[in-house]
Structure formats: structure tokens, C-alpha cells
Amino acid sequence: MTGQHGTGKVQDGARFPHVRVKGDARERGRQYGTQARERVQRSLEAYERVFAYYTGWTWAEVTERSLAYVAPIEAAYPSYLDEMRGVAAGAGAEFDDVLALNLRTEVMFAAKSRTATGRADSPPSECSSFCILPDTNATGHVLVGENWDWLTHCADTLVVLEVEQIGAPDFVTVVEAGLLAKAGMNSSGIAVATNALVTDRDRGDPGIPYHVCLRAFLDAETLTEALASVQRWKRSSSANYLLTHRDGVGIDVESAPGDFSMLSYLDPRDGLLVHTNHFIAPPKAVVDVSQWAMPDSLARYQRLCRALQTAPLPVTVESVQTALRDHADHPYGVCCHPDPREDAEEQGATIMSIIMDPHECVMWLADGNPCAKPYRRIDYADFLDKPSAAPRAPAHDVSPLATGT
């Protein structure tokens, strides 16, 4: 792995390894799997235990059930399957193994046998995300990010994946080794944060998986293309996607399994949008189960909203970092810590905290709980300096917001 050298310009050192890949889909995957081999193997070992704990399935059953998702992925994004095959080859794993990793949300949240095992009803909560529009923060650009909360083993499986592509935007994403994407930003000015959701429609029906949707956003040249990607295909899982663009736009998409009719949209209010792990405006004909599965979502939502709403204007990156360190309702706060009263497989924590400025191509990343790990500023201006394939705006086309009219 490349570590902190040969990547973006890093301040304050690094913890999560940086993996840089390029070439066609199979070759990128091979390089990814080779560089992240140890972490991919750790992830496979961990999820074999986790899936057995929450679903009662053996790894063979998980991989067999995962094959039902090949056809929908093949119809929509065949190159992603090539990439997974490359990851498997590089990491010394089977394709079915890497596919199952990329379906971990579908397994964790949709397995019908989950509560039949006598184990915990639901896995740990996931994520407190936000975006702040340019008019209300000190950078003058849109800011977007999240605290990503998940199982504690992920502290040893996360990587910063830096991808150079042919015929598509280059991108950076902080992700579990072997997965296609998570939170990140691309060379066309798109940045995405995300939250897990769950509804009564999450039954494990094959469709486009959660992490495939996230990757499609980072392959989009425009925000409109990103939105179209989540509307075009039947999705398998509920999720929240907070999409932003360097032009100063932020749009939140709440989704339930199904087609475009199972989507709802939120706009920032007073320049701010916060989301945790429950629906704000659920699509019609769905029952939001998120508040039952992840009850700490409500307190985190209130605390993060309040912290960002009351921060002195304009909001600074430092004040956002302070908000993301909040411990109210400890250990289940915005900055989440393991609960020693729980079984080891149930314990969650904030695995990483990220703030992104897609205009400047800068991210601030805390490699663990932000209360304990300093944010390191990573400058990707050079790495993401790839012209977008989308047509450029006419020279005379100036936004009214930029002129104050």
C-alpha cells in the first residue's frame, strides 16, 4: 500500500492506508485487491462471523444468496462486476466472496432470518451526515460529510481508495476494503455522504445494491446524472444519499427498495441539511422501521442540527469538527463509542469522520473517533484535476447567487 506517500498532500500523518489504482475495470480491481489484500481478508473473516451472528447463515449460504444480485448489476453496471473479479484475484479471494462484501447491507438489513436466531434484533447504527451551503460557511463552498458509525472491526479494514478511470471521473472514497465505494468525491465536483435506512419493504429482493448505487454517484459527470442513476434502476435496499456539487447545490435523496416512486427529496433549510438514520419524509406506501432498528438516530439528529444551527456565522470547518465530536447520549452520540454492555459483535463506534469541500477538492479525515483522532487535511486538487466530460457552461452564464442579484 502507498500509505501517506504518493497520495494527496497529507497533513498530520495517516492511519488508514491509501490505495491508488488506475486502468480498466479489471486492472483497477486487481490493483485494489493486491494493495489492500490484508484488509480484504480481515473483512471477509469479520463478516463471516457477523453474518452468522445476525442472520444464522453460513458463509456458503451468504455467497450463494448473493449470486441473485449478479443479473441486476450486470444489466446496469457490468464493469462493476469486472472490478469485483479483479479485487478477488488481487486479494486471493473468490468473486463470490467480494460480491458478498459489496452486499453486506442487503445481508445485514434484509435477511429474513435475522431475528429468528435469538440474537440481537439489529446491527449498530450508521452515520450522521450533513451539508452546508456556500452562503453560510466560511469556505464559501459547499461542505458535506459525515461520521460513519459501524462495527468496530472496520477500524482495521478501512482504506482511502483513490481511483483514476478511463472515460469516467476520477474519485476518492473512504471505504471498507473490497467494497466499491462509500463517502467520497469525484473530479467532476460531486461529493456524497450517506446513511443507512430500513423499511418494511427491505425483504432482500434482488436489485441494485446500496454500495453499487454509491459507486454510480461517483461515476457521474453531473448532479443530474447522479440523481438519474438512483432513479433508473430498481434498488434493493433503503438508504439515504446526500448529494452535493461544487457549484453550491445540495440535494438529499431518501430511498426505499423499488423504482423511482420509492424516492423522496429534501432541500437544505437556511443553508443546512442534516440526516441520520431515520426518514424525514418517507415515500408513500412504506413504513419506516429505522427508528425501531436504530433508536439513537433521533438524538443524534437533534444534536447535530442544533450544533450547526447555533454555530457562529459563517460556520467554519473547525466548528463542524466540534459538532462531530459531540458525546451527548454517550456512548450512542454523534461521536459514537462501543457499549461494553453489548456482545462484541454488536458493538459499534465512529470508525471515521469526514468533511469534504468538492470545490477545492479537499477533505478533512479523522481516522477513528474525532474526539481522539485529529482531522488530517488531504488536498486532492492535483489528483482530481481531470476535466469533466460534461459540456461547459457558456462564458456569459453567471449565477445570480454569484452577483448578489
Protein backbone atom coordinates (compact mmCIF):
# COMPACT_ATOMS: atom_id res chain seq x y z
CA MET A 1 0.00 0.00 0.00
CA THR A 2 1.10 3.52 -0.67
CA GLY A 3 0.49 4.87 2.84
CA GLN A 4 0.69 8.63 3.09
CA HIS A 5 3.19 8.93 0.25
CA GLY A 6 2.21 9.26 -3.39
CA THR A 7 -1.35 10.27 -2.50
CA GLY A 8 -2.95 13.64 -1.88
CA LYS A 9 -0.98 16.18 0.15
CA VAL A 10 -1.45 14.92 3.69
CA GLN A 11 -1.02 16.85 6.92
CA ASP A 12 -0.64 15.31 10.39
CA GLY A 13 0.12 11.76 9.21
CA ALA A 14 -2.15 8.89 8.23
CA ARG A 15 -3.73 5.84 9.75
CA PHE A 16 -5.98 4.33 7.10
CA PRO A 17 -3.86 3.10 4.19
CA HIS A 18 -4.16 4.92 0.86
CA VAL A 19 -4.70 2.72 -2.18
CA ARG A 20 -4.26 4.26 -5.63
CA VAL A 21 -5.40 2.40 -8.75
CA LYS A 22 -5.79 3.07 -12.47
CA GLY A 23 -6.53 1.29 -15.74
CA ASP A 24 -9.60 -0.60 -16.94
CA ALA A 25 -12.12 -2.09 -14.52
CA ARG A 26 -10.45 -5.49 -14.11
CA GLU A 27 -7.00 -3.97 -13.71
CA ARG A 28 -8.18 -1.36 -11.19
CA GLY A 29 -9.79 -4.13 -9.19
CA ARG A 30 -6.64 -6.27 -9.32
CA GLN A 31 -4.51 -3.37 -8.07
CA TYR A 32 -7.05 -2.60 -5.35
CA GLY A 33 -7.18 -6.21 -4.16
CA THR A 34 -3.40 -6.57 -4.25
CA GLN A 35 -2.67 -3.39 -2.30
CA ALA A 36 -5.50 -3.96 0.21
CA ARG A 37 -5.14 -7.75 0.36
CA GLU A 38 -4.64 -7.98 4.13
CA ARG A 39 -7.59 -5.71 4.86
CA VAL A 40 -9.89 -7.51 2.39
CA GLN A 41 -9.06 -10.80 4.09
CA ARG A 42 -9.73 -9.27 7.53
CA SER A 43 -13.08 -8.04 6.27
CA LEU A 44 -14.04 -11.46 4.92
CA GLU A 45 -13.13 -13.12 8.23
CA ALA A 46 -15.07 -10.50 10.22
CA TYR A 47 -18.22 -10.62 8.11
CA GLU A 48 -18.31 -14.41 8.21
CA ARG A 49 -18.73 -14.03 11.98
CA VAL A 50 -21.06 -11.04 11.71
CA PHE A 51 -23.40 -12.62 9.16
CA ALA A 52 -23.61 -15.81 11.19
CA TYR A 53 -24.40 -13.79 14.31
CA TYR A 54 -27.14 -11.64 12.80
CA THR A 55 -28.63 -13.96 10.18
CA GLY A 56 -27.78 -17.50 11.18
CA TRP A 57 -26.33 -18.07 7.69
CA THR A 58 -23.05 -19.80 6.96
CA TRP A 59 -20.64 -18.04 4.60
CA ALA A 60 -21.55 -20.56 1.89
CA GLU A 61 -25.22 -19.61 2.27
CA VAL A 62 -24.37 -15.89 2.13
CA THR A 63 -22.35 -16.24 -1.08
CA GLU A 64 -24.98 -18.46 -2.69
CA ARG A 65 -27.76 -15.97 -1.95
CA SER A 66 -25.56 -13.13 -3.19
CA LEU A 67 -25.48 -14.59 -6.69
CA ALA A 68 -29.09 -13.49 -7.22
CA TYR A 69 -27.77 -9.91 -7.45
CA VAL A 70 -25.41 -10.59 -10.34
CA ALA A 71 -28.10 -10.23 -13.01
CA PRO A 72 -29.36 -6.79 -11.91
CA ILE A 73 -25.81 -5.47 -11.54
CA GLU A 74 -24.86 -6.93 -14.92
CA ALA A 75 -27.82 -5.19 -16.57
CA ALA A 76 -26.95 -1.79 -15.10
CA TYR A 77 -23.18 -1.68 -14.41
CA PRO A 78 -21.36 -4.70 -15.87
CA SER A 79 -17.94 -3.12 -15.35
CA TYR A 80 -18.51 -3.16 -11.59
CA LEU A 81 -18.62 -6.96 -11.70
CA ASP A 82 -15.34 -6.94 -13.62
CA GLU A 83 -13.89 -4.73 -10.93
CA MET A 84 -15.03 -7.12 -8.19
CA ARG A 85 -13.47 -10.02 -10.09
CA GLY A 86 -10.23 -8.06 -10.20
CA VAL A 87 -10.39 -7.35 -6.46
CA ALA A 88 -10.90 -11.05 -5.79
CA ALA A 89 -7.92 -12.01 -7.96
CA GLY A 90 -5.67 -9.45 -6.30
CA ALA A 91 -6.77 -10.29 -2.75
CA GLY A 92 -6.56 -14.07 -3.13
CA ALA A 93 -10.32 -14.47 -2.71
CA GLU A 94 -13.23 -15.77 -4.79
CA PHE A 95 -15.50 -13.48 -6.78
CA ASP A 96 -18.46 -14.68 -4.69
CA ASP A 97 -16.64 -13.52 -1.54
CA VAL A 98 -16.09 -9.98 -2.83
CA LEU A 99 -19.65 -9.84 -4.15
CA ALA A 100 -20.93 -10.76 -0.69
CA LEU A 101 -18.86 -7.96 0.87
CA ASN A 102 -20.48 -5.49 -1.52
CA LEU A 103 -23.87 -6.83 -0.46
CA ARG A 104 -23.24 -6.58 3.26
CA THR A 105 -26.05 -4.03 3.69
CA GLU A 106 -28.53 -6.30 1.93
CA VAL A 107 -27.45 -9.20 4.14
CA MET A 108 -27.43 -7.20 7.38
CA PHE A 109 -30.68 -5.31 6.96
CA ALA A 110 -32.81 -7.57 4.76
CA ALA A 111 -32.11 -11.16 5.85
CA LYS A 112 -35.45 -12.62 6.88
CA SER A 113 -33.82 -14.95 9.37
CA ARG A 114 -32.11 -12.15 11.30
CA THR A 115 -34.44 -12.11 14.30
CA ALA A 116 -35.05 -15.87 14.17
CA THR A 117 -31.59 -16.60 15.57
CA GLY A 118 -32.33 -15.37 19.07
CA ARG A 119 -29.55 -12.81 18.65
CA ALA A 120 -29.73 -9.04 18.53
CA ASP A 121 -32.59 -7.51 16.59
CA SER A 122 -30.48 -5.10 14.57
CA PRO A 123 -26.85 -4.15 13.93
CA PRO A 124 -25.30 -0.88 15.14
CA SER A 125 -26.43 2.44 13.75
CA GLU A 126 -24.78 4.09 10.79
CA CYS A 127 -23.84 7.67 10.22
CA SER A 128 -24.65 11.27 10.99
CA SER A 129 -24.33 13.32 7.80
CA PHE A 130 -24.65 16.97 6.83
CA CYS A 131 -24.21 19.54 4.09
CA ILE A 132 -23.73 23.29 4.49
CA LEU A 133 -24.29 25.56 1.52
CA PRO A 134 -21.72 28.22 0.50
CA ASP A 135 -23.60 31.26 1.82
CA THR A 136 -23.46 30.03 5.41
CA ASN A 137 -19.95 28.64 5.82
CA ALA A 138 -16.56 30.34 5.90
CA THR A 139 -15.08 28.47 2.93
CA GLY A 140 -17.62 29.99 0.54
CA HIS A 141 -18.08 26.49 -0.93
CA VAL A 142 -20.49 23.66 -0.21
CA LEU A 143 -19.30 21.42 2.64
CA VAL A 144 -20.53 17.85 3.06
CA GLY A 145 -19.54 14.98 5.30
CA GLU A 146 -20.43 12.51 7.99
CA ASN A 147 -19.45 10.49 10.99
CA TRP A 148 -19.52 6.90 9.78
CA ASP A 149 -20.57 4.56 12.61
CA TRP A 150 -20.38 0.82 12.18
CA LEU A 151 -18.93 -2.38 13.62
CA THR A 152 -15.64 -1.96 15.43
CA HIS A 153 -13.69 -4.41 13.24
CA CYS A 154 -13.87 -1.85 10.42
CA ALA A 155 -11.17 0.23 12.09
CA ASP A 156 -8.81 -2.40 10.67
CA THR A 157 -10.43 -2.70 7.23
CA LEU A 158 -10.95 0.88 6.02
CA VAL A 159 -8.86 2.30 3.18
CA VAL A 160 -8.73 5.61 1.34
CA LEU A 161 -9.30 4.47 -2.24
CA GLU A 162 -8.01 6.81 -4.97
CA VAL A 163 -9.21 5.84 -8.45
CA GLU A 164 -8.08 7.02 -11.88
CA GLN A 165 -10.53 5.92 -14.57
CA ILE A 166 -10.70 5.83 -18.34
CA GLY A 167 -13.80 7.54 -19.70
CA ALA A 168 -15.26 8.42 -16.29
CA PRO A 169 -14.45 10.83 -13.45
CA ASP A 170 -11.57 10.07 -11.12
CA PHE A 171 -12.64 9.83 -7.49
CA VAL A 172 -11.62 9.32 -3.87
CA THR A 173 -13.68 7.33 -1.37
CA VAL A 174 -13.10 6.16 2.21
CA VAL A 175 -14.40 2.61 2.20
CA GLU A 176 -14.16 -0.87 3.67
CA ALA A 177 -11.51 -2.77 1.73
CA GLY A 178 -13.07 -4.66 -1.16
CA LEU A 179 -16.20 -2.51 -1.45
CA LEU A 180 -16.80 -0.31 -4.48
CA ALA A 181 -17.47 2.99 -2.69
CA LYS A 182 -18.75 4.81 0.36
CA ALA A 183 -18.49 8.54 1.15
CA GLY A 184 -16.33 10.39 -1.34
CA MET A 185 -15.91 12.99 -4.09
CA ASN A 186 -15.02 12.99 -7.76
CA SER A 187 -13.21 15.12 -10.33
CA SER A 188 -16.50 16.43 -11.75
CA GLY A 189 -17.39 18.19 -8.49
CA ILE A 190 -19.79 15.65 -6.98
CA ALA A 191 -19.47 14.63 -3.32
CA VAL A 192 -21.68 12.16 -1.49
CA ALA A 193 -22.38 11.25 2.13
CA THR A 194 -24.82 8.55 3.14
CA ASN A 195 -26.94 6.95 5.87
CA ALA A 196 -28.47 3.51 6.30
CA LEU A 197 -32.27 3.33 6.46
CA VAL A 198 -34.67 0.40 6.74
CA THR A 199 -38.37 -0.03 5.88
CA ASP A 200 -40.93 -2.80 5.75
CA ARG A 201 -40.01 -3.21 2.07
CA ASP A 202 -36.45 -4.37 2.86
CA ARG A 203 -37.01 -8.04 2.13
CA GLY A 204 -33.86 -8.91 0.27
CA ASP A 205 -35.40 -8.77 -3.20
CA PRO A 206 -32.57 -8.60 -5.77
CA GLY A 207 -31.95 -5.20 -7.31
CA ILE A 208 -29.16 -2.64 -7.42
CA PRO A 209 -27.34 -2.87 -4.07
CA TYR A 210 -26.59 0.06 -1.79
CA HIS A 211 -22.85 0.22 -2.41
CA VAL A 212 -23.33 -0.07 -6.16
CA CYS A 213 -25.59 2.99 -6.01
CA LEU A 214 -22.86 4.86 -4.12
CA ARG A 215 -20.30 3.95 -6.76
CA ALA A 216 -22.62 5.11 -9.56
CA PHE A 217 -22.80 8.56 -7.97
CA LEU A 218 -19.02 8.87 -8.08
CA ASP A 219 -19.03 7.85 -11.75
CA ALA A 220 -21.48 10.65 -12.65
CA GLU A 221 -20.33 13.78 -14.51
CA THR A 222 -23.19 15.98 -13.27
CA LEU A 223 -25.54 16.11 -10.31
CA THR A 224 -28.44 15.42 -12.69
CA GLU A 225 -26.70 12.25 -13.90
CA ALA A 226 -26.13 11.20 -10.30
CA LEU A 227 -29.81 11.63 -9.48
CA ALA A 228 -30.82 9.77 -12.65
CA SER A 229 -28.63 6.82 -11.65
CA VAL A 230 -30.64 6.19 -8.49
CA GLN A 231 -33.94 6.70 -10.33
CA ARG A 232 -33.21 4.48 -13.32
CA TRP A 233 -32.96 1.02 -11.77
CA LYS A 234 -34.86 -0.96 -9.17
CA ARG A 235 -32.94 -0.73 -5.90
CA SER A 236 -32.67 -3.49 -3.34
CA SER A 237 -32.24 -1.56 -0.08
CA SER A 238 -33.39 1.52 1.73
CA ALA A 239 -30.76 4.24 2.13
CA ASN A 240 -30.23 7.97 2.35
CA TYR A 241 -27.94 9.70 -0.15
CA LEU A 242 -26.79 13.27 0.47
CA LEU A 243 -25.55 14.54 -2.90
CA THR A 244 -23.69 17.81 -3.38
CA HIS A 245 -21.91 19.61 -6.20
CA ARG A 246 -19.09 22.14 -6.22
CA ASP A 247 -21.46 24.65 -7.86
CA GLY A 248 -23.08 25.00 -4.43
CA VAL A 249 -26.00 22.57 -4.69
CA GLY A 250 -27.10 20.06 -2.06
CA ILE A 251 -29.93 17.52 -2.53
CA ASP A 252 -30.88 14.72 -0.15
CA VAL A 253 -32.48 11.53 -1.51
CA GLU A 254 -34.33 9.21 0.85
CA SER A 255 -34.95 5.86 -0.80
CA ALA A 256 -36.85 2.66 -0.14
CA PRO A 257 -36.48 -0.52 -2.19
CA GLY A 258 -38.09 -0.32 -5.61
CA ASP A 259 -38.25 2.11 -8.51
CA PHE A 260 -38.23 5.91 -8.74
CA SER A 261 -41.62 6.13 -6.99
CA MET A 262 -39.90 4.95 -3.80
CA LEU A 263 -37.75 8.10 -3.56
CA SER A 264 -38.31 11.35 -1.68
CA TYR A 265 -36.20 14.50 -1.71
CA LEU A 266 -35.10 17.09 0.84
CA ASP A 267 -33.57 20.53 0.29
CA PRO A 268 -31.37 22.39 2.78
CA ARG A 269 -33.12 24.89 5.04
CA ASP A 270 -31.28 28.10 5.87
CA GLY A 271 -28.26 26.64 4.13
CA LEU A 272 -28.13 23.46 6.22
CA LEU A 273 -29.22 19.85 5.82
CA VAL A 274 -28.65 17.14 8.44
CA HIS A 275 -29.57 13.47 8.20
CA THR A 276 -29.11 10.46 10.47
CA ASN A 277 -30.75 7.01 10.31
CA HIS A 278 -34.48 7.68 10.02
CA PHE A 279 -36.68 9.09 7.27
CA ILE A 280 -37.63 12.77 7.38
CA ALA A 281 -40.14 12.49 4.51
CA PRO A 282 -40.67 8.80 3.75
CA PRO A 283 -42.09 7.84 0.36
CA LYS A 284 -45.76 6.93 0.39
CA ALA A 285 -46.76 3.32 0.98
CA VAL A 286 -43.71 2.48 3.10
CA VAL A 287 -43.36 2.01 6.84
CA ASP A 288 -40.16 3.47 8.29
CA VAL A 289 -38.61 0.82 10.53
CA SER A 290 -35.43 2.82 11.03
CA GLN A 291 -36.41 4.34 14.36
CA TRP A 292 -37.03 0.86 15.76
CA ALA A 293 -33.82 -0.57 14.32
CA MET A 294 -31.64 2.46 15.15
CA PRO A 295 -33.31 4.37 18.00
CA ASP A 296 -30.26 6.55 18.70
CA SER A 297 -30.83 8.27 15.35
CA LEU A 298 -33.27 10.78 16.83
CA ALA A 299 -30.89 12.14 19.48
CA ARG A 300 -28.01 12.37 17.01
CA TYR A 301 -30.19 14.23 14.53
CA GLN A 302 -31.24 16.78 17.14
CA ARG A 303 -27.74 17.33 18.49
CA LEU A 304 -26.04 17.75 15.11
CA CYS A 305 -28.78 20.07 13.86
CA ARG A 306 -28.54 22.19 16.99
CA ALA A 307 -24.75 22.37 16.95
CA LEU A 308 -24.61 23.53 13.32
CA GLN A 309 -27.60 25.87 13.60
CA THR A 310 -26.16 27.68 16.63
CA ALA A 311 -22.54 27.83 15.48
CA PRO A 312 -21.38 31.43 14.86
CA LEU A 313 -21.82 32.50 11.23
CA PRO A 314 -20.19 31.89 8.92
CA VAL A 315 -19.75 28.26 10.02
CA THR A 316 -16.10 27.18 9.97
CA VAL A 317 -14.59 23.78 9.32
CA GLU A 318 -13.41 23.84 12.93
CA SER A 319 -16.93 24.36 14.24
CA VAL A 320 -18.15 21.44 12.12
CA GLN A 321 -15.39 19.30 13.60
CA THR A 322 -16.52 20.31 17.08
CA ALA A 323 -20.10 19.33 16.25
CA LEU A 324 -18.94 15.92 15.04
CA ARG A 325 -17.18 15.30 18.39
CA ASP A 326 -20.42 15.60 20.38
CA HIS A 327 -20.92 12.95 23.10
CA ALA A 328 -24.50 13.66 24.23
CA ASP A 329 -26.30 10.35 24.89
CA HIS A 330 -22.92 8.63 25.27
CA PRO A 331 -21.96 6.04 24.13
CA TYR A 332 -24.53 6.48 21.33
CA GLY A 333 -23.74 10.09 20.46
CA VAL A 334 -22.79 11.78 17.22
CA CYS A 335 -19.28 10.65 18.17
CA CYS A 336 -20.19 7.04 18.91
CA HIS A 337 -18.25 4.70 21.19
CA PRO A 338 -18.57 0.96 21.90
CA ASP A 339 -21.04 -0.02 24.60
CA PRO A 340 -19.26 -2.52 26.86
CA ARG A 341 -22.64 -3.95 27.92
CA GLU A 342 -23.15 -5.37 24.44
CA ASP A 343 -21.73 -8.52 22.88
CA ALA A 344 -18.58 -7.94 20.83
CA GLU A 345 -20.39 -8.47 17.51
CA GLU A 346 -22.97 -5.82 18.46
CA GLN A 347 -20.54 -3.08 19.44
CA GLY A 348 -20.33 -0.09 17.13
CA ALA A 349 -18.28 3.09 17.02
CA THR A 350 -17.49 6.07 14.84
CA ILE A 351 -14.96 4.45 12.52
CA MET A 352 -14.13 7.63 10.63
CA SER A 353 -15.23 11.24 10.33
CA ILE A 354 -15.03 13.10 7.03
CA ILE A 355 -15.65 16.66 5.81
CA MET A 356 -15.34 17.42 2.08
CA ASP A 357 -15.07 20.58 0.01
CA PRO A 358 -15.69 19.38 -3.58
CA HIS A 359 -14.88 22.83 -4.99
CA GLU A 360 -11.33 22.84 -3.64
CA CYS A 361 -11.06 19.01 -3.75
CA VAL A 362 -10.05 18.94 -0.09
CA MET A 363 -11.13 16.52 2.63
CA TRP A 364 -10.59 16.56 6.37
CA LEU A 365 -10.42 12.99 7.67
CA ALA A 366 -10.29 11.69 11.25
CA ASP A 367 -9.09 8.08 11.26
CA GLY A 368 -11.37 6.96 14.09
CA ASN A 369 -13.38 8.78 16.74
CA PRO A 370 -12.90 12.51 16.06
CA CYS A 371 -12.75 13.18 19.80
CA ALA A 372 -9.49 11.20 19.87
CA LYS A 373 -8.07 11.35 16.35
CA PRO A 374 -7.08 14.68 14.81
CA TYR A 375 -8.52 15.62 11.45
CA ARG A 376 -5.89 15.50 8.74
CA ARG A 377 -6.32 17.77 5.75
CA ILE A 378 -5.84 15.97 2.44
CA ASP A 379 -5.53 18.09 -0.69
CA TYR A 380 -6.71 16.28 -3.82
CA ALA A 381 -6.65 19.34 -6.10
CA ASP A 382 -3.96 17.77 -8.28
CA PHE A 383 -5.34 14.25 -8.24
CA LEU A 384 -8.90 15.32 -9.11
CA ASP A 385 -7.79 17.88 -11.71
CA LYS A 386 -9.47 15.99 -14.56
CA PRO A 387 -11.73 17.91 -16.96
CA SER A 388 -15.35 16.82 -16.82
CA ALA A 389 -16.77 15.27 -19.97
CA ALA A 390 -19.97 17.28 -19.46
CA PRO A 391 -20.38 20.39 -21.67
CA ARG A 392 -19.05 23.56 -20.09
CA ALA A 393 -21.36 26.44 -19.26
CA PRO A 394 -21.28 29.46 -21.61
CA ALA A 395 -18.81 32.12 -20.51
CA HIS A 396 -21.58 34.72 -20.04
CA ASP A 397 -23.71 32.41 -17.90
CA VAL A 398 -23.14 33.81 -14.39
CA SER A 399 -25.19 32.54 -11.47
CA PRO A 400 -27.43 35.22 -9.85
CA LEU A 401 -26.16 33.99 -6.49
CA ALA A 402 -22.63 34.93 -7.50
CA THR A 403 -23.65 38.51 -8.38
CA GLY A 404 -25.91 39.07 -5.39
CA THR A 405 -28.89 39.95 -7.63
